[in-house]
């Protein structure tokens, strides 16, 4: 009986879904917020245009006075203003225009567009 329970536990652990942080092939976008800057990059390049897909956002919020707030079609995600944090989100970005900004400083903002295209493979 113990062997059966152990085998079931091992099989269950092997079939658990992978988390976003370990999903191979998921495109990663890096957001960084400081007291004076906000950016969104992919492989070191500023994001201006993307294809519809699921993306992993790694948000490095380095300022207690600002936050990172992503708004767009069916998306409204943010970090807290008073906290320095690193967050990881998996977000589906469909066609449309997206804005990332700080809720405390109107000049800290950027936009990018998701163009309609073929579905992700």
PDB file of N, CA and C in Angstrom:
ATOM      1  N   UNK A   1       0.825  -1.193   0.000  1.00  0.00           N
ATOM      2  CA  UNK A   1       0.000   0.000   0.000  1.00  0.00           C
ATOM      3  C   UNK A   1       0.874   1.265   0.000  1.00  0.00           C
ATOM      4  N   UNK A   2       1.943   1.272   0.799  1.00  0.00           N
ATOM      5  CA  UNK A   2       2.842   2.434   0.845  1.00  0.00           C
ATOM      6  C   UNK A   2       3.481   2.685  -0.522  1.00  0.00           C
ATOM      7  N   UNK A   3       3.861   1.618  -1.214  1.00  0.00           N
ATOM      8  CA  UNK A   3       4.467   1.775  -2.543  1.00  0.00           C
ATOM      9  C   UNK A   3       3.478   2.404  -3.516  1.00  0.00           C
ATOM     10  N   UNK A   4       2.226   2.002  -3.408  1.00  0.00           N
ATOM     11  CA  UNK A   4       1.190   2.551  -4.275  1.00  0.00           C
ATOM     12  C   UNK A   4       1.000   4.045  -4.015  1.00  0.00           C
ATOM     13  N   UNK A   5       0.968   4.435  -2.737  1.00  0.00           N
ATOM     14  CA  UNK A   5       0.833   5.855  -2.391  1.00  0.00           C
ATOM     15  C   UNK A   5       2.040   6.655  -2.855  1.00  0.00           C
ATOM     16  N   UNK A   6       3.234   6.102  -2.674  1.00  0.00           N
ATOM     17  CA  UNK A   6       4.458   6.783  -3.107  1.00  0.00           C
ATOM     18  C   UNK A   6       4.468   6.945  -4.627  1.00  0.00           C
ATOM     19  N   UNK A   7       4.094   5.886  -5.342  1.00  0.00           N
ATOM     20  CA  UNK A   7       4.043   5.960  -6.810  1.00  0.00           C
ATOM     21  C   UNK A   7       3.035   7.008  -7.269  1.00  0.00           C
ATOM     22  N   UNK A   8       1.878   7.087  -6.613  1.00  0.00           N
ATOM     23  CA  UNK A   8       0.863   8.082  -6.969  1.00  0.00           C
ATOM     24  C   UNK A   8       1.373   9.499  -6.704  1.00  0.00           C
ATOM     25  N   UNK A   9       2.086   9.690  -5.614  1.00  0.00           N
ATOM     26  CA  UNK A   9       2.622  11.012  -5.284  1.00  0.00           C
ATOM     27  C   UNK A   9       3.665  11.446  -6.314  1.00  0.00           C
ATOM     28  N   UNK A  10       4.546  10.519  -6.704  1.00  0.00           N
ATOM     29  CA  UNK A  10       5.572  10.839  -7.698  1.00  0.00           C
ATOM     30  C   UNK A  10       4.926  11.155  -9.039  1.00  0.00           C
ATOM     31  N   UNK A  11       3.976  10.355  -9.458  1.00  0.00           N
ATOM     32  CA  UNK A  11       3.285  10.588 -10.727  1.00  0.00           C
ATOM     33  C   UNK A  11       2.557  11.931 -10.705  1.00  0.00           C
ATOM     34  N   UNK A  12       1.912  12.252  -9.602  1.00  0.00           N
ATOM     35  CA  UNK A  12       1.226  13.538  -9.472  1.00  0.00           C
ATOM     36  C   UNK A  12       2.185  14.704  -9.574  1.00  0.00           C
ATOM     37  N   UNK A  13       3.340  14.599  -8.958  1.00  0.00           N
ATOM     38  CA  UNK A  13       4.334  15.678  -9.011  1.00  0.00           C
ATOM     39  C   UNK A  13       4.860  15.856 -10.426  1.00  0.00           C
ATOM     40  N   UNK A  14       4.995  14.757 -11.170  1.00  0.00           N
ATOM     41  CA  UNK A  14       5.514  14.860 -12.529  1.00  0.00           C
ATOM     42  C   UNK A  14       4.513  15.459 -13.499  1.00  0.00           C
ATOM     43  N   UNK A  15       3.235  15.397 -13.185  1.00  0.00           N
ATOM     44  CA  UNK A  15       2.224  15.893 -14.117  1.00  0.00           C
ATOM     45  C   UNK A  15       1.678  17.265 -13.748  1.00  0.00           C
ATOM     46  N   UNK A  16       2.247  17.927 -12.722  1.00  0.00           N
ATOM     47  CA  UNK A  16       1.800  19.273 -12.371  1.00  0.00           C
ATOM     48  C   UNK A  16       2.146  20.230 -13.496  1.00  0.00           C
ATOM     49  N   UNK A  17       1.286  21.215 -13.772  1.00  0.00           N
ATOM     50  CA  UNK A  17       1.616  22.181 -14.823  1.00  0.00           C
ATOM     51  C   UNK A  17       2.819  23.023 -14.410  1.00  0.00           C
ATOM     52  N   UNK A  18       3.586  23.431 -15.399  1.00  0.00           N
ATOM     53  CA  UNK A  18       4.748  24.262 -15.121  1.00  0.00           C
ATOM     54  C   UNK A  18       4.296  25.685 -14.823  1.00  0.00           C
ATOM     55  N   UNK A  19       4.999  26.371 -13.957  1.00  0.00           N
ATOM     56  CA  UNK A  19       4.677  27.763 -13.673  1.00  0.00           C
ATOM     57  C   UNK A  19       5.189  28.634 -14.807  1.00  0.00           C
ATOM     58  N   UNK A  20       4.725  29.888 -14.843  1.00  0.00           N
ATOM     59  CA  UNK A  20       5.130  30.814 -15.903  1.00  0.00           C
ATOM     60  C   UNK A  20       6.634  31.017 -15.914  1.00  0.00           C
ATOM     61  N   UNK A  21       7.264  30.986 -14.735  1.00  0.00           N
ATOM     62  CA  UNK A  21       8.691  31.247 -14.682  1.00  0.00           C
ATOM     63  C   UNK A  21       9.509  30.109 -15.267  1.00  0.00           C
ATOM     64  N   UNK A  22       8.919  28.919 -15.432  1.00  0.00           N
ATOM     65  CA  UNK A  22       9.653  27.801 -15.989  1.00  0.00           C
ATOM     66  C   UNK A  22       9.105  27.373 -17.339  1.00  0.00           C
ATOM     67  N   UNK A  23       8.149  28.082 -17.881  1.00  0.00           N
ATOM     68  CA  UNK A  23       7.569  27.714 -19.164  1.00  0.00           C
ATOM     69  C   UNK A  23       8.565  28.025 -20.272  1.00  0.00           C
ATOM     70  N   UNK A  24       9.054  26.990 -20.958  1.00  0.00           N
ATOM     71  CA  UNK A  24      10.010  27.260 -22.021  1.00  0.00           C
ATOM     72  C   UNK A  24       9.344  27.970 -23.192  1.00  0.00           C
ATOM     73  N   UNK A  25      10.086  28.884 -23.807  1.00  0.00           N
ATOM     74  CA  UNK A  25       9.584  29.542 -24.993  1.00  0.00           C
ATOM     75  C   UNK A  25       8.658  30.720 -24.764  1.00  0.00           C
ATOM     76  N   UNK A  26       8.308  31.010 -23.537  1.00  0.00           N
ATOM     77  CA  UNK A  26       7.422  32.142 -23.264  1.00  0.00           C
ATOM     78  C   UNK A  26       8.234  33.428 -23.404  1.00  0.00           C
ATOM     79  N   UNK A  27       7.862  34.331 -24.331  1.00  0.00           N
ATOM     80  CA  UNK A  27       8.639  35.568 -24.498  1.00  0.00           C
ATOM     81  C   UNK A  27       8.648  36.384 -23.209  1.00  0.00           C
ATOM     82  N   UNK A  28       9.804  36.943 -22.885  1.00  0.00           N
ATOM     83  CA  UNK A  28       9.950  37.701 -21.639  1.00  0.00           C
ATOM     84  C   UNK A  28      10.150  39.185 -21.935  1.00  0.00           C
ATOM     85  N   UNK A  29       9.420  40.006 -21.201  1.00  0.00           N
ATOM     86  CA  UNK A  29       9.552  41.454 -21.279  1.00  0.00           C
ATOM     87  C   UNK A  29      10.021  41.934 -19.920  1.00  0.00           C
ATOM     88  N   UNK A  30      10.957  42.880 -19.909  1.00  0.00           N
ATOM     89  CA  UNK A  30      11.504  43.386 -18.656  1.00  0.00           C
ATOM     90  C   UNK A  30      11.071  44.832 -18.460  1.00  0.00           C
ATOM     91  N   UNK A  31      10.390  45.081 -17.354  1.00  0.00           N
ATOM     92  CA  UNK A  31       9.976  46.441 -16.993  1.00  0.00           C
ATOM     93  C   UNK A  31      10.853  46.911 -15.854  1.00  0.00           C
ATOM     94  N   UNK A  32      11.265  48.161 -15.908  1.00  0.00           N
ATOM     95  CA  UNK A  32      12.100  48.723 -14.852  1.00  0.00           C
ATOM     96  C   UNK A  32      11.592  50.121 -14.512  1.00  0.00           C
ATOM     97  N   UNK A  33      11.414  50.359 -13.216  1.00  0.00           N
ATOM     98  CA  UNK A  33      10.940  51.657 -12.734  1.00  0.00           C
ATOM     99  C   UNK A  33      11.925  52.174 -11.701  1.00  0.00           C
ATOM    100  N   UNK A  34      12.369  53.411 -11.891  1.00  0.00           N
ATOM    101  CA  UNK A  34      13.166  54.101 -10.882  1.00  0.00           C
ATOM    102  C   UNK A  34      12.406  55.377 -10.516  1.00  0.00           C
ATOM    103  N   UNK A  35      12.991  56.180  -9.663  1.00  0.00           N
ATOM    104  CA  UNK A  35      12.335  57.426  -9.270  1.00  0.00           C
ATOM    105  C   UNK A  35      12.157  58.368 -10.456  1.00  0.00           C
ATOM    106  N   UNK A  36      12.994  58.230 -11.497  1.00  0.00           N
ATOM    107  CA  UNK A  36      12.950  59.166 -12.625  1.00  0.00           C
ATOM    108  C   UNK A  36      12.719  58.535 -13.990  1.00  0.00           C
ATOM    109  N   UNK A  37      12.699  57.195 -14.066  1.00  0.00           N
ATOM    110  CA  UNK A  37      12.553  56.551 -15.374  1.00  0.00           C
ATOM    111  C   UNK A  37      11.611  55.358 -15.304  1.00  0.00           C
ATOM    112  N   UNK A  38      11.073  55.005 -16.469  1.00  0.00           N
ATOM    113  CA  UNK A  38      10.274  53.793 -16.615  1.00  0.00           C
ATOM    114  C   UNK A  38      10.592  53.235 -17.994  1.00  0.00           C
ATOM    115  N   UNK A  39      10.744  51.909 -18.085  1.00  0.00           N
ATOM    116  CA  UNK A  39      11.077  51.314 -19.376  1.00  0.00           C
ATOM    117  C   UNK A  39      10.474  49.925 -19.485  1.00  0.00           C
ATOM    118  N   UNK A  40      10.313  49.494 -20.736  1.00  0.00           N
ATOM    119  CA  UNK A  40       9.868  48.145 -21.041  1.00  0.00           C
ATOM    120  C   UNK A  40      10.723  47.671 -22.205  1.00  0.00           C
ATOM    121  N   UNK A  41      11.471  46.581 -21.985  1.00  0.00           N
ATOM    122  CA  UNK A  41      12.390  46.095 -23.000  1.00  0.00           C
ATOM    123  C   UNK A  41      12.208  44.598 -23.243  1.00  0.00           C
ATOM    124  N   UNK A  42      12.685  44.184 -24.396  1.00  0.00           N
ATOM    125  CA  UNK A  42      12.750  42.775 -24.757  1.00  0.00           C
ATOM    126  C   UNK A  42      14.139  42.546 -25.335  1.00  0.00           C
ATOM    127  N   UNK A  43      14.904  41.680 -24.705  1.00  0.00           N
ATOM    128  CA  UNK A  43      16.280  41.409 -25.123  1.00  0.00           C
ATOM    129  C   UNK A  43      17.090  42.694 -25.249  1.00  0.00           C
ATOM    130  N   UNK A  44      16.883  43.616 -24.311  1.00  0.00           N
ATOM    131  CA  UNK A  44      17.638  44.863 -24.265  1.00  0.00           C
ATOM    132  C   UNK A  44      17.134  45.969 -25.169  1.00  0.00           C
ATOM    133  N   UNK A  45      16.121  45.699 -25.971  1.00  0.00           N
ATOM    134  CA  UNK A  45      15.585  46.705 -26.892  1.00  0.00           C
ATOM    135  C   UNK A  45      14.231  47.207 -26.394  1.00  0.00           C
ATOM    136  N   UNK A  46      13.993  48.515 -26.535  1.00  0.00           N
ATOM    137  CA  UNK A  46      12.719  49.104 -26.134  1.00  0.00           C
ATOM    138  C   UNK A  46      11.572  48.459 -26.907  1.00  0.00           C
ATOM    139  N   UNK A  47      10.502  48.114 -26.205  1.00  0.00           N
ATOM    140  CA  UNK A  47       9.338  47.495 -26.834  1.00  0.00           C
ATOM    141  C   UNK A  47       8.472  48.585 -27.461  1.00  0.00           C
ATOM    142  N   UNK A  48       8.207  48.458 -28.767  1.00  0.00           N
ATOM    143  CA  UNK A  48       7.318  49.389 -29.458  1.00  0.00           C
ATOM    144  C   UNK A  48       6.185  48.646 -30.164  1.00  0.00           C
ATOM    145  N   UNK A  49       6.458  47.398 -30.576  1.00  0.00           N
ATOM    146  CA  UNK A  49       5.451  46.624 -31.288  1.00  0.00           C
ATOM    147  C   UNK A  49       5.651  45.137 -31.006  1.00  0.00           C
ATOM    148  N   UNK A  50       4.531  44.449 -30.754  1.00  0.00           N
ATOM    149  CA  UNK A  50       4.572  43.016 -30.462  1.00  0.00           C
ATOM    150  C   UNK A  50       3.494  42.296 -31.259  1.00  0.00           C
ATOM    151  N   UNK A  51       3.577  40.977 -31.287  1.00  0.00           N
ATOM    152  CA  UNK A  51       2.548  40.124 -31.862  1.00  0.00           C
ATOM    153  C   UNK A  51       1.641  39.633 -30.734  1.00  0.00           C
ATOM    154  N   UNK A  52       0.380  39.309 -31.008  1.00  0.00           N
ATOM    155  CA  UNK A  52      -0.484  38.746 -29.973  1.00  0.00           C
ATOM    156  C   UNK A  52       0.135  37.456 -29.426  1.00  0.00           C
ATOM    157  N   UNK A  53       0.197  37.350 -28.100  1.00  0.00           N
ATOM    158  CA  UNK A  53       0.804  36.175 -27.485  1.00  0.00           C
ATOM    159  C   UNK A  53       0.727  36.314 -25.968  1.00  0.00           C
ATOM    160  N   UNK A  54       1.046  35.228 -25.275  1.00  0.00           N
ATOM    161  CA  UNK A  54       1.269  35.299 -23.835  1.00  0.00           C
ATOM    162  C   UNK A  54       2.707  35.757 -23.622  1.00  0.00           C
ATOM    163  N   UNK A  55       2.911  36.650 -22.669  1.00  0.00           N
ATOM    164  CA  UNK A  55       4.238  37.166 -22.351  1.00  0.00           C
ATOM    165  C   UNK A  55       4.470  37.064 -20.856  1.00  0.00           C
ATOM    166  N   UNK A  56       5.720  36.855 -20.495  1.00  0.00           N
ATOM    167  CA  UNK A  56       6.108  36.899 -19.092  1.00  0.00           C
ATOM    168  C   UNK A  56       6.726  38.274 -18.846  1.00  0.00           C
ATOM    169  N   UNK A  57       6.095  39.047 -17.959  1.00  0.00           N
ATOM    170  CA  UNK A  57       6.613  40.357 -17.569  1.00  0.00           C
ATOM    171  C   UNK A  57       7.425  40.177 -16.294  1.00  0.00           C
ATOM    172  N   UNK A  58       8.656  40.641 -16.305  1.00  0.00           N
ATOM    173  CA  UNK A  58       9.461  40.703 -15.094  1.00  0.00           C
ATOM    174  C   UNK A  58       9.558  42.190 -14.754  1.00  0.00           C
ATOM    175  N   UNK A  59       8.918  42.567 -13.665  1.00  0.00           N
ATOM    176  CA  UNK A  59       8.821  43.986 -13.300  1.00  0.00           C
ATOM    177  C   UNK A  59       9.762  44.254 -12.127  1.00  0.00           C
ATOM    178  N   UNK A  60      10.764  45.109 -12.381  1.00  0.00           N
ATOM    179  CA  UNK A  60      11.698  45.518 -11.331  1.00  0.00           C
ATOM    180  C   UNK A  60      11.325  46.937 -10.911  1.00  0.00           C
ATOM    181  N   UNK A  61      10.594  47.034  -9.828  1.00  0.00           N
ATOM    182  CA  UNK A  61      10.152  48.326  -9.305  1.00  0.00           C
ATOM    183  C   UNK A  61      11.164  48.733  -8.233  1.00  0.00           C
ATOM    184  N   UNK A  62      12.051  49.657  -8.582  1.00  0.00           N
ATOM    185  CA  UNK A  62      13.162  50.026  -7.718  1.00  0.00           C
ATOM    186  C   UNK A  62      12.921  51.305  -6.928  1.00  0.00           C
ATOM    187  N   UNK A  63      11.705  51.846  -6.962  1.00  0.00           N
ATOM    188  CA  UNK A  63      11.421  53.124  -6.300  1.00  0.00           C
ATOM    189  C   UNK A  63      10.212  53.001  -5.384  1.00  0.00           C
ATOM    190  N   UNK A  64      10.341  53.549  -4.207  1.00  0.00           N
ATOM    191  CA  UNK A  64       9.191  53.579  -3.295  1.00  0.00           C
ATOM    192  C   UNK A  64       8.210  54.695  -3.651  1.00  0.00           C
ATOM    193  N   UNK A  65       8.617  55.591  -4.537  1.00  0.00           N
ATOM    194  CA  UNK A  65       7.765  56.722  -4.889  1.00  0.00           C
ATOM    195  C   UNK A  65       7.013  56.532  -6.203  1.00  0.00           C
ATOM    196  N   UNK A  66       7.314  55.448  -6.944  1.00  0.00           N
ATOM    197  CA  UNK A  66       6.672  55.198  -8.237  1.00  0.00           C
ATOM    198  C   UNK A  66       6.156  53.764  -8.264  1.00  0.00           C
ATOM    199  N   UNK A  67       5.454  53.429  -9.350  1.00  0.00           N
ATOM    200  CA  UNK A  67       5.030  52.053  -9.568  1.00  0.00           C
ATOM    201  C   UNK A  67       5.003  51.776 -11.058  1.00  0.00           C
ATOM    202  N   UNK A  68       4.738  50.521 -11.426  1.00  0.00           N
ATOM    203  CA  UNK A  68       4.587  50.135 -12.817  1.00  0.00           C
ATOM    204  C   UNK A  68       3.142  49.707 -12.999  1.00  0.00           C
ATOM    205  N   UNK A  69       2.454  50.349 -13.932  1.00  0.00           N
ATOM    206  CA  UNK A  69       1.034  50.078 -14.174  1.00  0.00           C
ATOM    207  C   UNK A  69       0.865  49.835 -15.665  1.00  0.00           C
ATOM    208  N   UNK A  70       0.416  48.634 -16.028  1.00  0.00           N
ATOM    209  CA  UNK A  70       0.190  48.250 -17.417  1.00  0.00           C
ATOM    210  C   UNK A  70      -1.309  48.242 -17.685  1.00  0.00           C
ATOM    211  N   UNK A  71      -1.728  49.004 -18.704  1.00  0.00           N
ATOM    212  CA  UNK A  71      -3.143  49.115 -19.047  1.00  0.00           C
ATOM    213  C   UNK A  71      -3.305  48.914 -20.551  1.00  0.00           C
ATOM    214  N   UNK A  72      -4.314  48.127 -20.919  1.00  0.00           N
ATOM    215  CA  UNK A  72      -4.619  47.908 -22.328  1.00  0.00           C
ATOM    216  C   UNK A  72      -5.846  47.031 -22.437  1.00  0.00           C
ATOM    217  N   UNK A  73      -6.150  46.561 -23.642  1.00  0.00           N
ATOM    218  CA  UNK A  73      -7.325  45.715 -23.823  1.00  0.00           C
ATOM    219  C   UNK A  73      -7.294  44.493 -22.893  1.00  0.00           C
ATOM    220  N   UNK A  74      -8.237  44.441 -21.961  1.00  0.00           N
ATOM    221  CA  UNK A  74      -8.379  43.348 -20.986  1.00  0.00           C
ATOM    222  C   UNK A  74      -7.191  43.195 -20.043  1.00  0.00           C
ATOM    223  N   UNK A  75      -6.364  44.225 -19.899  1.00  0.00           N
ATOM    224  CA  UNK A  75      -5.202  44.161 -19.005  1.00  0.00           C
ATOM    225  C   UNK A  75      -5.190  45.391 -18.103  1.00  0.00           C
ATOM    226  N   UNK A  76      -5.023  45.158 -16.812  1.00  0.00           N
ATOM    227  CA  UNK A  76      -4.865  46.236 -15.837  1.00  0.00           C
ATOM    228  C   UNK A  76      -4.086  45.660 -14.657  1.00  0.00           C
ATOM    229  N   UNK A  77      -2.742  45.704 -14.759  1.00  0.00           N
ATOM    230  CA  UNK A  77      -1.869  45.131 -13.731  1.00  0.00           C
ATOM    231  C   UNK A  77      -0.952  46.230 -13.211  1.00  0.00           C
ATOM    232  N   UNK A  78      -0.656  46.174 -11.910  1.00  0.00           N
ATOM    233  CA  UNK A  78       0.222  47.199 -11.339  1.00  0.00           C
ATOM    234  C   UNK A  78       0.955  46.685 -10.115  1.00  0.00           C
ATOM    235  N   UNK A  79       2.065  47.364  -9.825  1.00  0.00           N
ATOM    236  CA  UNK A  79       2.751  47.161  -8.556  1.00  0.00           C
ATOM    237  C   UNK A  79       2.288  48.262  -7.615  1.00  0.00           C
ATOM    238  N   UNK A  80       2.571  48.107  -6.335  1.00  0.00           N
ATOM    239  CA  UNK A  80       2.187  49.124  -5.358  1.00  0.00           C
ATOM    240  C   UNK A  80       3.185  50.272  -5.372  1.00  0.00           C
ATOM    241  N   UNK A  81       2.689  51.474  -5.121  1.00  0.00           N
ATOM    242  CA  UNK A  81       3.537  52.663  -5.151  1.00  0.00           C
ATOM    243  C   UNK A  81       4.574  52.635  -4.031  1.00  0.00           C
ATOM    244  N   UNK A  82       4.205  52.275  -2.854  1.00  0.00           N
ATOM    245  CA  UNK A  82       5.098  52.403  -1.697  1.00  0.00           C
ATOM    246  C   UNK A  82       6.060  51.235  -1.522  1.00  0.00           C
ATOM    247  N   UNK A  83       6.127  50.329  -2.476  1.00  0.00           N
ATOM    248  CA  UNK A  83       6.950  49.139  -2.285  1.00  0.00           C
ATOM    249  C   UNK A  83       7.988  48.984  -3.388  1.00  0.00           C
ATOM    250  N   UNK A  84       9.225  48.700  -2.989  1.00  0.00           N
ATOM    251  CA  UNK A  84      10.225  48.249  -3.943  1.00  0.00           C
ATOM    252  C   UNK A  84      10.004  46.755  -4.087  1.00  0.00           C
ATOM    253  N   UNK A  85       9.880  46.292  -5.320  1.00  0.00           N
ATOM    254  CA  UNK A  85       9.560  44.880  -5.498  1.00  0.00           C
ATOM    255  C   UNK A  85      10.011  44.389  -6.866  1.00  0.00           C
ATOM    256  N   UNK A  86      10.100  43.080  -6.988  1.00  0.00           N
ATOM    257  CA  UNK A  86      10.252  42.440  -8.286  1.00  0.00           C
ATOM    258  C   UNK A  86       9.062  41.514  -8.434  1.00  0.00           C
ATOM    259  N   UNK A  87       8.312  41.703  -9.502  1.00  0.00           N
ATOM    260  CA  UNK A  87       7.105  40.905  -9.733  1.00  0.00           C
ATOM    261  C   UNK A  87       7.245  40.173 -11.060  1.00  0.00           C
ATOM    262  N   UNK A  88       6.528  39.075 -11.183  1.00  0.00           N
ATOM    263  CA  UNK A  88       6.496  38.310 -12.426  1.00  0.00           C
ATOM    264  C   UNK A  88       5.041  38.029 -12.767  1.00  0.00           C
ATOM    265  N   UNK A  89       4.627  38.452 -13.953  1.00  0.00           N
ATOM    266  CA  UNK A  89       3.256  38.259 -14.394  1.00  0.00           C
ATOM    267  C   UNK A  89       3.264  37.545 -15.739  1.00  0.00           C
ATOM    268  N   UNK A  90       2.315  36.661 -15.944  1.00  0.00           N
ATOM    269  CA  UNK A  90       2.067  36.115 -17.271  1.00  0.00           C
ATOM    270  C   UNK A  90       0.789  36.772 -17.769  1.00  0.00           C
ATOM    271  N   UNK A  91       0.895  37.453 -18.905  1.00  0.00           N
ATOM    272  CA  UNK A  91      -0.215  38.246 -19.419  1.00  0.00           C
ATOM    273  C   UNK A  91      -0.402  37.936 -20.902  1.00  0.00           C
ATOM    274  N   UNK A  92      -1.658  37.760 -21.305  1.00  0.00           N
ATOM    275  CA  UNK A  92      -1.949  37.639 -22.737  1.00  0.00           C
ATOM    276  C   UNK A  92      -2.151  39.045 -23.288  1.00  0.00           C
ATOM    277  N   UNK A  93      -1.397  39.375 -24.325  1.00  0.00           N
ATOM    278  CA  UNK A  93      -1.545  40.664 -24.999  1.00  0.00           C
ATOM    279  C   UNK A  93      -2.195  40.427 -26.357  1.00  0.00           C
ATOM    280  N   UNK A  94      -3.421  40.925 -26.495  1.00  0.00           N
ATOM    281  CA  UNK A  94      -4.132  40.849 -27.761  1.00  0.00           C
ATOM    282  C   UNK A  94      -3.936  42.134 -28.533  1.00  0.00           C
ATOM    283  N   UNK A  95      -4.457  42.207 -29.748  1.00  0.00           N
ATOM    284  CA  UNK A  95      -4.297  43.404 -30.567  1.00  0.00           C
ATOM    285  C   UNK A  95      -4.804  44.667 -29.860  1.00  0.00           C
ATOM    286  N   UNK A  96      -4.052  45.751 -30.007  1.00  0.00           N
ATOM    287  CA  UNK A  96      -4.445  47.024 -29.425  1.00  0.00           C
ATOM    288  C   UNK A  96      -3.235  47.818 -28.971  1.00  0.00           C
ATOM    289  N   UNK A  97      -3.515  48.946 -28.324  1.00  0.00           N
ATOM    290  CA  UNK A  97      -2.474  49.816 -27.799  1.00  0.00           C
ATOM    291  C   UNK A  97      -2.432  49.675 -26.282  1.00  0.00           C
ATOM    292  N   UNK A  98      -1.244  49.545 -25.744  1.00  0.00           N
ATOM    293  CA  UNK A  98      -1.022  49.374 -24.308  1.00  0.00           C
ATOM    294  C   UNK A  98      -0.184  50.534 -23.795  1.00  0.00           C
ATOM    295  N   UNK A  99      -0.477  50.935 -22.575  1.00  0.00           N
ATOM    296  CA  UNK A  99       0.273  51.994 -21.910  1.00  0.00           C
ATOM    297  C   UNK A  99       0.863  51.432 -20.633  1.00  0.00           C
ATOM    298  N   UNK A 100       2.113  51.759 -20.375  1.00  0.00           N
ATOM    299  CA  UNK A 100       2.713  51.477 -19.067  1.00  0.00           C
ATOM    300  C   UNK A 100       3.112  52.820 -18.481  1.00  0.00           C
ATOM    301  N   UNK A 101       2.878  52.951 -17.186  1.00  0.00           N
ATOM    302  CA  UNK A 101       3.066  54.266 -16.563  1.00  0.00           C
ATOM    303  C   UNK A 101       3.266  54.125 -15.065  1.00  0.00           C
ATOM    304  N   UNK A 102       3.631  55.248 -14.473  1.00  0.00           N
ATOM    305  CA  UNK A 102       3.620  55.375 -13.017  1.00  0.00           C
ATOM    306  C   UNK A 102       2.337  56.117 -12.661  1.00  0.00           C
ATOM    307  N   UNK A 103       1.678  55.664 -11.621  1.00  0.00           N
ATOM    308  CA  UNK A 103       0.454  56.348 -11.184  1.00  0.00           C
ATOM    309  C   UNK A 103       0.759  57.639 -10.440  1.00  0.00           C
ATOM    310  N   UNK A 104       2.002  57.856 -10.052  1.00  0.00           N
ATOM    311  CA  UNK A 104       2.364  59.052  -9.285  1.00  0.00           C
ATOM    312  C   UNK A 104       2.988  60.166 -10.113  1.00  0.00           C
ATOM    313  N   UNK A 105       3.487  59.850 -11.293  1.00  0.00           N
ATOM    314  CA  UNK A 105       4.180  60.867 -12.084  1.00  0.00           C
ATOM    315  C   UNK A 105       3.772  60.733 -13.555  1.00  0.00           C
ATOM    316  N   UNK A 106       3.020  61.688 -14.042  1.00  0.00           N
ATOM    317  CA  UNK A 106       2.437  61.625 -15.391  1.00  0.00           C
ATOM    318  C   UNK A 106       3.488  61.533 -16.498  1.00  0.00           C
ATOM    319  N   UNK A 107       4.685  62.054 -16.259  1.00  0.00           N
ATOM    320  CA  UNK A 107       5.723  62.028 -17.298  1.00  0.00           C
ATOM    321  C   UNK A 107       6.396  60.663 -17.428  1.00  0.00           C
ATOM    322  N   UNK A 108       6.195  59.781 -16.465  1.00  0.00           N
ATOM    323  CA  UNK A 108       6.766  58.435 -16.556  1.00  0.00           C
ATOM    324  C   UNK A 108       5.742  57.534 -17.243  1.00  0.00           C
ATOM    325  N   UNK A 109       5.896  57.384 -18.555  1.00  0.00           N
ATOM    326  CA  UNK A 109       4.939  56.575 -19.306  1.00  0.00           C
ATOM    327  C   UNK A 109       5.547  56.148 -20.634  1.00  0.00           C
ATOM    328  N   UNK A 110       4.970  55.129 -21.191  1.00  0.00           N
ATOM    329  CA  UNK A 110       5.361  54.653 -22.509  1.00  0.00           C
ATOM    330  C   UNK A 110       4.199  53.888 -23.105  1.00  0.00           C
ATOM    331  N   UNK A 111       4.250  53.638 -24.411  1.00  0.00           N
ATOM    332  CA  UNK A 111       3.198  52.881 -25.079  1.00  0.00           C
ATOM    333  C   UNK A 111       3.833  51.891 -26.042  1.00  0.00           C
ATOM    334  N   UNK A 112       3.063  50.869 -26.366  1.00  0.00           N
ATOM    335  CA  UNK A 112       3.440  49.939 -27.424  1.00  0.00           C
ATOM    336  C   UNK A 112       2.165  49.406 -28.047  1.00  0.00           C
ATOM    337  N   UNK A 113       2.298  48.847 -29.243  1.00  0.00           N
ATOM    338  CA  UNK A 113       1.157  48.339 -29.986  1.00  0.00           C
ATOM    339  C   UNK A 113       1.319  46.848 -30.217  1.00  0.00           C
ATOM    340  N   UNK A 114       0.223  46.132 -30.088  1.00  0.00           N
ATOM    341  CA  UNK A 114       0.179  44.721 -30.459  1.00  0.00           C
ATOM    342  C   UNK A 114      -0.608  44.650 -31.754  1.00  0.00           C
ATOM    343  N   UNK A 115       0.076  44.237 -32.814  1.00  0.00           N
ATOM    344  CA  UNK A 115      -0.523  44.168 -34.141  1.00  0.00           C
ATOM    345  C   UNK A 115      -1.171  42.813 -34.358  1.00  0.00           C
ATOM    346  N   UNK A 116      -2.351  42.809 -34.998  1.00  0.00           N
ATOM    347  CA  UNK A 116      -2.958  41.514 -35.317  1.00  0.00           C
ATOM    348  C   UNK A 116      -2.006  40.699 -36.187  1.00  0.00           C
ATOM    349  N   UNK A 117      -1.990  39.435 -35.957  1.00  0.00           N
ATOM    350  CA  UNK A 117      -1.096  38.584 -36.743  1.00  0.00           C
ATOM    351  C   UNK A 117      -1.490  37.137 -36.551  1.00  0.00           C
ATOM    352  N   UNK A 118      -0.659  36.262 -37.043  1.00  0.00           N
ATOM    353  CA  UNK A 118      -0.968  34.844 -36.889  1.00  0.00           C
ATOM    354  C   UNK A 118      -0.961  34.453 -35.421  1.00  0.00           C
ATOM    355  N   UNK A 119      -1.785  33.465 -35.053  1.00  0.00           N
ATOM    356  CA  UNK A 119      -1.787  33.020 -33.665  1.00  0.00           C
ATOM    357  C   UNK A 119      -0.448  32.421 -33.289  1.00  0.00           C
ATOM    358  N   UNK A 120      -0.092  32.508 -31.980  1.00  0.00           N
ATOM    359  CA  UNK A 120       1.195  31.956 -31.564  1.00  0.00           C
ATOM    360  C   UNK A 120       1.251  30.448 -31.827  1.00  0.00           C
ATOM    361  N   UNK A 121       2.422  29.988 -32.200  1.00  0.00           N
ATOM    362  CA  UNK A 121       2.602  28.551 -32.478  1.00  0.00           C
ATOM    363  C   UNK A 121       2.646  27.738 -31.212  1.00  0.00           C
TER     364      UNK A 121
END
